[in-house]
Amino acid sequence: MITWRKASHSESTSTQSDCVEVADLGTSIGIRDSKAPEAPHITLTPVAFATLLTQAKRDELPH
């Protein structure tokens, strides 16, 4: 079973959460939209995921 996690600062209502969720898939990291948990998710290597987080924190992602 995959355990999906979201940030503790995520806002949520009784019917919907507006955030992404991540999961440790063993050799990769899964990322999905919390509003569409049954939709396909993307996977990144741990290094690519760490790079994504670093760039997001530094506001270095393309707009």
PDB file of N, CA and C in Angstrom:
ATOM      1  N   MET A   1       0.839  -1.186   0.000  1.00  0.00           N
ATOM      2  CA  MET A   1       0.000   0.000   0.000  1.00  0.00           C
ATOM      3  C   MET A   1       0.885   1.251   0.000  1.00  0.00           C
ATOM      4  N   ILE A   2       0.524   2.201  -0.804  1.00  0.00           N
ATOM      5  CA  ILE A   2       1.270   3.459  -0.901  1.00  0.00           C
ATOM      6  C   ILE A   2       0.712   4.453   0.109  1.00  0.00           C
ATOM      7  N   THR A   3       1.591   5.079   0.867  1.00  0.00           N
ATOM      8  CA  THR A   3       1.182   6.114   1.812  1.00  0.00           C
ATOM      9  C   THR A   3       1.491   7.474   1.196  1.00  0.00           C
ATOM     10  N   TRP A   4       0.442   8.225   0.890  1.00  0.00           N
ATOM     11  CA  TRP A   4       0.593   9.566   0.316  1.00  0.00           C
ATOM     12  C   TRP A   4       0.594  10.580   1.444  1.00  0.00           C
ATOM     13  N   ARG A   5       1.451  11.581   1.331  1.00  0.00           N
ATOM     14  CA  ARG A   5       1.571  12.623   2.364  1.00  0.00           C
ATOM     15  C   ARG A   5       1.432  13.996   1.733  1.00  0.00           C
ATOM     16  N   LYS A   6       0.936  14.926   2.540  1.00  0.00           N
ATOM     17  CA  LYS A   6       0.878  16.322   2.089  1.00  0.00           C
ATOM     18  C   LYS A   6       1.415  17.212   3.196  1.00  0.00           C
ATOM     19  N   ALA A   7       1.711  18.434   2.851  1.00  0.00           N
ATOM     20  CA  ALA A   7       2.278  19.376   3.812  1.00  0.00           C
ATOM     21  C   ALA A   7       1.312  19.609   4.969  1.00  0.00           C
ATOM     22  N   SER A   8       1.858  19.751   6.150  1.00  0.00           N
ATOM     23  CA  SER A   8       1.017  20.003   7.323  1.00  0.00           C
ATOM     24  C   SER A   8       0.355  21.371   7.261  1.00  0.00           C
ATOM     25  N   HIS A   9       0.867  22.266   6.423  1.00  0.00           N
ATOM     26  CA  HIS A   9       0.284  23.602   6.280  1.00  0.00           C
ATOM     27  C   HIS A   9      -0.834  23.649   5.251  1.00  0.00           C
ATOM     28  N   SER A  10      -1.165  22.512   4.649  1.00  0.00           N
ATOM     29  CA  SER A  10      -2.190  22.486   3.604  1.00  0.00           C
ATOM     30  C   SER A  10      -3.544  22.865   4.176  1.00  0.00           C
ATOM     31  N   GLU A  11      -4.237  23.702   3.440  1.00  0.00           N
ATOM     32  CA  GLU A  11      -5.605  24.048   3.810  1.00  0.00           C
ATOM     33  C   GLU A  11      -6.501  22.914   3.336  1.00  0.00           C
ATOM     34  N   SER A  12      -7.467  22.540   4.137  1.00  0.00           N
ATOM     35  CA  SER A  12      -8.410  21.522   3.681  1.00  0.00           C
ATOM     36  C   SER A  12      -9.791  21.826   4.225  1.00  0.00           C
ATOM     37  N   THR A  13     -10.775  21.393   3.470  1.00  0.00           N
ATOM     38  CA  THR A  13     -12.161  21.488   3.900  1.00  0.00           C
ATOM     39  C   THR A  13     -12.664  20.071   4.060  1.00  0.00           C
ATOM     40  N   SER A  14     -13.913  19.938   4.404  1.00  0.00           N
ATOM     41  CA  SER A  14     -14.449  18.596   4.602  1.00  0.00           C
ATOM     42  C   SER A  14     -14.548  17.819   3.297  1.00  0.00           C
ATOM     43  N   THR A  15     -14.544  18.508   2.159  1.00  0.00           N
ATOM     44  CA  THR A  15     -14.722  17.807   0.889  1.00  0.00           C
ATOM     45  C   THR A  15     -13.523  17.869  -0.030  1.00  0.00           C
ATOM     46  N   GLN A  16     -12.578  18.758   0.214  1.00  0.00           N
ATOM     47  CA  GLN A  16     -11.512  18.935  -0.765  1.00  0.00           C
ATOM     48  C   GLN A  16     -10.245  19.499  -0.131  1.00  0.00           C
ATOM     49  N   SER A  17      -9.119  19.050  -0.630  1.00  0.00           N
ATOM     50  CA  SER A  17      -7.830  19.606  -0.236  1.00  0.00           C
ATOM     51  C   SER A  17      -7.170  20.162  -1.475  1.00  0.00           C
ATOM     52  N   ASP A  18      -6.528  21.301  -1.355  1.00  0.00           N
ATOM     53  CA  ASP A  18      -5.882  21.941  -2.498  1.00  0.00           C
ATOM     54  C   ASP A  18      -4.376  21.876  -2.350  1.00  0.00           C
ATOM     55  N   CYS A  19      -3.796  20.740  -2.704  1.00  0.00           N
ATOM     56  CA  CYS A  19      -2.351  20.607  -2.598  1.00  0.00           C
ATOM     57  C   CYS A  19      -1.891  19.399  -3.400  1.00  0.00           C
ATOM     58  N   VAL A  20      -0.598  19.227  -3.446  1.00  0.00           N
ATOM     59  CA  VAL A  20      -0.046  18.010  -4.025  1.00  0.00           C
ATOM     60  C   VAL A  20       0.310  17.063  -2.895  1.00  0.00           C
ATOM     61  N   GLU A  21       0.345  15.802  -3.211  1.00  0.00           N
ATOM     62  CA  GLU A  21       0.739  14.785  -2.252  1.00  0.00           C
ATOM     63  C   GLU A  21       1.952  14.050  -2.809  1.00  0.00           C
ATOM     64  N   VAL A  22       2.798  13.573  -1.930  1.00  0.00           N
ATOM     65  CA  VAL A  22       3.986  12.831  -2.346  1.00  0.00           C
ATOM     66  C   VAL A  22       4.017  11.482  -1.633  1.00  0.00           C
ATOM     67  N   ALA A  23       4.688  10.528  -2.269  1.00  0.00           N
ATOM     68  CA  ALA A  23       4.824   9.199  -1.682  1.00  0.00           C
ATOM     69  C   ALA A  23       6.184   8.620  -2.032  1.00  0.00           C
ATOM     70  N   ASP A  24       6.757   7.908  -1.085  1.00  0.00           N
ATOM     71  CA  ASP A  24       7.998   7.167  -1.324  1.00  0.00           C
ATOM     72  C   ASP A  24       7.606   5.862  -1.999  1.00  0.00           C
ATOM     73  N   LEU A  25       8.026   5.693  -3.254  1.00  0.00           N
ATOM     74  CA  LEU A  25       7.682   4.496  -4.015  1.00  0.00           C
ATOM     75  C   LEU A  25       8.847   3.505  -4.078  1.00  0.00           C
ATOM     76  N   GLY A  26       9.797   3.663  -3.206  1.00  0.00           N
ATOM     77  CA  GLY A  26      10.956   2.774  -3.184  1.00  0.00           C
ATOM     78  C   GLY A  26      12.118   3.383  -3.934  1.00  0.00           C
ATOM     79  N   THR A  27      12.135   3.216  -5.253  1.00  0.00           N
ATOM     80  CA  THR A  27      13.227   3.765  -6.054  1.00  0.00           C
ATOM     81  C   THR A  27      12.880   5.106  -6.672  1.00  0.00           C
ATOM     82  N   SER A  28      11.664   5.589  -6.433  1.00  0.00           N
ATOM     83  CA  SER A  28      11.247   6.883  -6.976  1.00  0.00           C
ATOM     84  C   SER A  28      10.287   7.566  -6.002  1.00  0.00           C
ATOM     85  N   ILE A  29       9.974   8.824  -6.307  1.00  0.00           N
ATOM     86  CA  ILE A  29       9.031   9.611  -5.515  1.00  0.00           C
ATOM     87  C   ILE A  29       7.814   9.879  -6.390  1.00  0.00           C
ATOM     88  N   GLY A  30       6.629   9.569  -5.878  1.00  0.00           N
ATOM     89  CA  GLY A  30       5.393   9.835  -6.603  1.00  0.00           C
ATOM     90  C   GLY A  30       4.831  11.181  -6.196  1.00  0.00           C
ATOM     91  N   ILE A  31       4.239  11.874  -7.170  1.00  0.00           N
ATOM     92  CA  ILE A  31       3.604  13.171  -6.924  1.00  0.00           C
ATOM     93  C   ILE A  31       2.234  13.135  -7.580  1.00  0.00           C
ATOM     94  N   ARG A  32       1.190  13.544  -6.836  1.00  0.00           N
ATOM     95  CA  ARG A  32      -0.160  13.559  -7.401  1.00  0.00           C
ATOM     96  C   ARG A  32      -0.945  14.755  -6.882  1.00  0.00           C
ATOM     97  N   ASP A  33      -2.036  15.046  -7.555  1.00  0.00           N
ATOM     98  CA  ASP A  33      -2.949  16.120  -7.174  1.00  0.00           C
ATOM     99  C   ASP A  33      -3.926  15.563  -6.144  1.00  0.00           C
ATOM    100  N   SER A  34      -4.023  16.194  -4.993  1.00  0.00           N
ATOM    101  CA  SER A  34      -4.912  15.697  -3.940  1.00  0.00           C
ATOM    102  C   SER A  34      -6.384  15.763  -4.334  1.00  0.00           C
ATOM    103  N   LYS A  35      -6.720  16.617  -5.301  1.00  0.00           N
ATOM    104  CA  LYS A  35      -8.111  16.712  -5.750  1.00  0.00           C
ATOM    105  C   LYS A  35      -8.484  15.592  -6.717  1.00  0.00           C
ATOM    106  N   ALA A  36      -7.487  14.882  -7.239  1.00  0.00           N
ATOM    107  CA  ALA A  36      -7.739  13.807  -8.202  1.00  0.00           C
ATOM    108  C   ALA A  36      -6.862  12.598  -7.859  1.00  0.00           C
ATOM    109  N   PRO A  37      -7.082  11.995  -6.698  1.00  0.00           N
ATOM    110  CA  PRO A  37      -6.199  10.913  -6.262  1.00  0.00           C
ATOM    111  C   PRO A  37      -6.220   9.675  -7.156  1.00  0.00           C
ATOM    112  N   GLU A  38      -7.283   9.483  -7.921  1.00  0.00           N
ATOM    113  CA  GLU A  38      -7.360   8.324  -8.809  1.00  0.00           C
ATOM    114  C   GLU A  38      -6.713   8.585 -10.162  1.00  0.00           C
ATOM    115  N   ALA A  39      -6.378   9.834 -10.444  1.00  0.00           N
ATOM    116  CA  ALA A  39      -5.722  10.180 -11.712  1.00  0.00           C
ATOM    117  C   ALA A  39      -4.278   9.681 -11.679  1.00  0.00           C
ATOM    118  N   PRO A  40      -3.664   9.542 -12.847  1.00  0.00           N
ATOM    119  CA  PRO A  40      -2.258   9.123 -12.867  1.00  0.00           C
ATOM    120  C   PRO A  40      -1.371  10.109 -12.099  1.00  0.00           C
ATOM    121  N   HIS A  41      -0.299   9.591 -11.550  1.00  0.00           N
ATOM    122  CA  HIS A  41       0.666  10.437 -10.841  1.00  0.00           C
ATOM    123  C   HIS A  41       1.974  10.451 -11.627  1.00  0.00           C
ATOM    124  N   ILE A  42       2.818  11.407 -11.312  1.00  0.00           N
ATOM    125  CA  ILE A  42       4.135  11.446 -11.943  1.00  0.00           C
ATOM    126  C   ILE A  42       5.161  10.883 -10.961  1.00  0.00           C
ATOM    127  N   THR A  43       6.261  10.416 -11.494  1.00  0.00           N
ATOM    128  CA  THR A  43       7.331   9.912 -10.641  1.00  0.00           C
ATOM    129  C   THR A  43       8.634  10.619 -10.983  1.00  0.00           C
ATOM    130  N   LEU A  44       9.422  10.850  -9.969  1.00  0.00           N
ATOM    131  CA  LEU A  44      10.743  11.454 -10.116  1.00  0.00           C
ATOM    132  C   LEU A  44      11.750  10.615  -9.343  1.00  0.00           C
ATOM    133  N   THR A  45      12.994  10.656  -9.778  1.00  0.00           N
ATOM    134  CA  THR A  45      14.046  10.036  -8.975  1.00  0.00           C
ATOM    135  C   THR A  45      14.203  10.867  -7.706  1.00  0.00           C
ATOM    136  N   PRO A  46      14.747  10.291  -6.656  1.00  0.00           N
ATOM    137  CA  PRO A  46      14.979  11.088  -5.445  1.00  0.00           C
ATOM    138  C   PRO A  46      15.829  12.330  -5.706  1.00  0.00           C
ATOM    139  N   VAL A  47      16.832  12.230  -6.577  1.00  0.00           N
ATOM    140  CA  VAL A  47      17.676  13.390  -6.890  1.00  0.00           C
ATOM    141  C   VAL A  47      16.862  14.461  -7.615  1.00  0.00           C
ATOM    142  N   ALA A  48      16.053  14.059  -8.584  1.00  0.00           N
ATOM    143  CA  ALA A  48      15.228  15.027  -9.314  1.00  0.00           C
ATOM    144  C   ALA A  48      14.207  15.679  -8.382  1.00  0.00           C
ATOM    145  N   PHE A  49      13.643  14.911  -7.453  1.00  0.00           N
ATOM    146  CA  PHE A  49      12.687  15.466  -6.501  1.00  0.00           C
ATOM    147  C   PHE A  49      13.362  16.484  -5.586  1.00  0.00           C
ATOM    148  N   ALA A  50      14.550  16.160  -5.103  1.00  0.00           N
ATOM    149  CA  ALA A  50      15.297  17.097  -4.250  1.00  0.00           C
ATOM    150  C   ALA A  50      15.619  18.377  -5.011  1.00  0.00           C
ATOM    151  N   THR A  51      15.979  18.243  -6.284  1.00  0.00           N
ATOM    152  CA  THR A  51      16.256  19.416  -7.118  1.00  0.00           C
ATOM    153  C   THR A  51      15.000  20.257  -7.287  1.00  0.00           C
ATOM    154  N   LEU A  52      13.868  19.613  -7.540  1.00  0.00           N
ATOM    155  CA  LEU A  52      12.594  20.329  -7.676  1.00  0.00           C
ATOM    156  C   LEU A  52      12.278  21.116  -6.408  1.00  0.00           C
ATOM    157  N   LEU A  53      12.420  20.487  -5.253  1.00  0.00           N
ATOM    158  CA  LEU A  53      12.145  21.183  -3.991  1.00  0.00           C
ATOM    159  C   LEU A  53      13.071  22.370  -3.784  1.00  0.00           C
ATOM    160  N   THR A  54      14.344  22.176  -4.065  1.00  0.00           N
ATOM    161  CA  THR A  54      15.315  23.266  -3.912  1.00  0.00           C
ATOM    162  C   THR A  54      14.958  24.434  -4.820  1.00  0.00           C
ATOM    163  N   GLN A  55      14.635  24.141  -6.073  1.00  0.00           N
ATOM    164  CA  GLN A  55      14.285  25.207  -7.013  1.00  0.00           C
ATOM    165  C   GLN A  55      12.986  25.900  -6.610  1.00  0.00           C
ATOM    166  N   ALA A  56      12.022  25.149  -6.109  1.00  0.00           N
ATOM    167  CA  ALA A  56      10.762  25.755  -5.674  1.00  0.00           C
ATOM    168  C   ALA A  56      10.989  26.680  -4.477  1.00  0.00           C
ATOM    169  N   LYS A  57      11.788  26.243  -3.528  1.00  0.00           N
ATOM    170  CA  LYS A  57      12.076  27.065  -2.348  1.00  0.00           C
ATOM    171  C   LYS A  57      12.807  28.352  -2.710  1.00  0.00           C
ATOM    172  N   ARG A  58      13.613  28.300  -3.759  1.00  0.00           N
ATOM    173  CA  ARG A  58      14.367  29.479  -4.206  1.00  0.00           C
ATOM    174  C   ARG A  58      13.611  30.287  -5.261  1.00  0.00           C
ATOM    175  N   ASP A  59      12.392  29.880  -5.570  1.00  0.00           N
ATOM    176  CA  ASP A  59      11.570  30.519  -6.609  1.00  0.00           C
ATOM    177  C   ASP A  59      12.312  30.537  -7.949  1.00  0.00           C
ATOM    178  N   GLU A  60      12.943  29.427  -8.284  1.00  0.00           N
ATOM    179  CA  GLU A  60      13.713  29.310  -9.514  1.00  0.00           C
ATOM    180  C   GLU A  60      13.002  28.499 -10.595  1.00  0.00           C
ATOM    181  N   LEU A  61      11.755  28.107 -10.365  1.00  0.00           N
ATOM    182  CA  LEU A  61      11.033  27.334 -11.372  1.00  0.00           C
ATOM    183  C   LEU A  61      10.510  28.257 -12.465  1.00  0.00           C
ATOM    184  N   PRO A  62      10.463  27.768 -13.705  1.00  0.00           N
ATOM    185  CA  PRO A  62       9.925  28.603 -14.795  1.00  0.00           C
ATOM    186  C   PRO A  62       8.469  28.976 -14.507  1.00  0.00           C
ATOM    187  N   HIS A  63       8.097  30.164 -14.889  1.00  0.00           N
ATOM    188  CA  HIS A  63       6.718  30.630 -14.668  1.00  0.00           C
ATOM    189  C   HIS A  63       5.941  30.564 -15.946  1.00  0.00           C
TER     190      HIS A  63
END
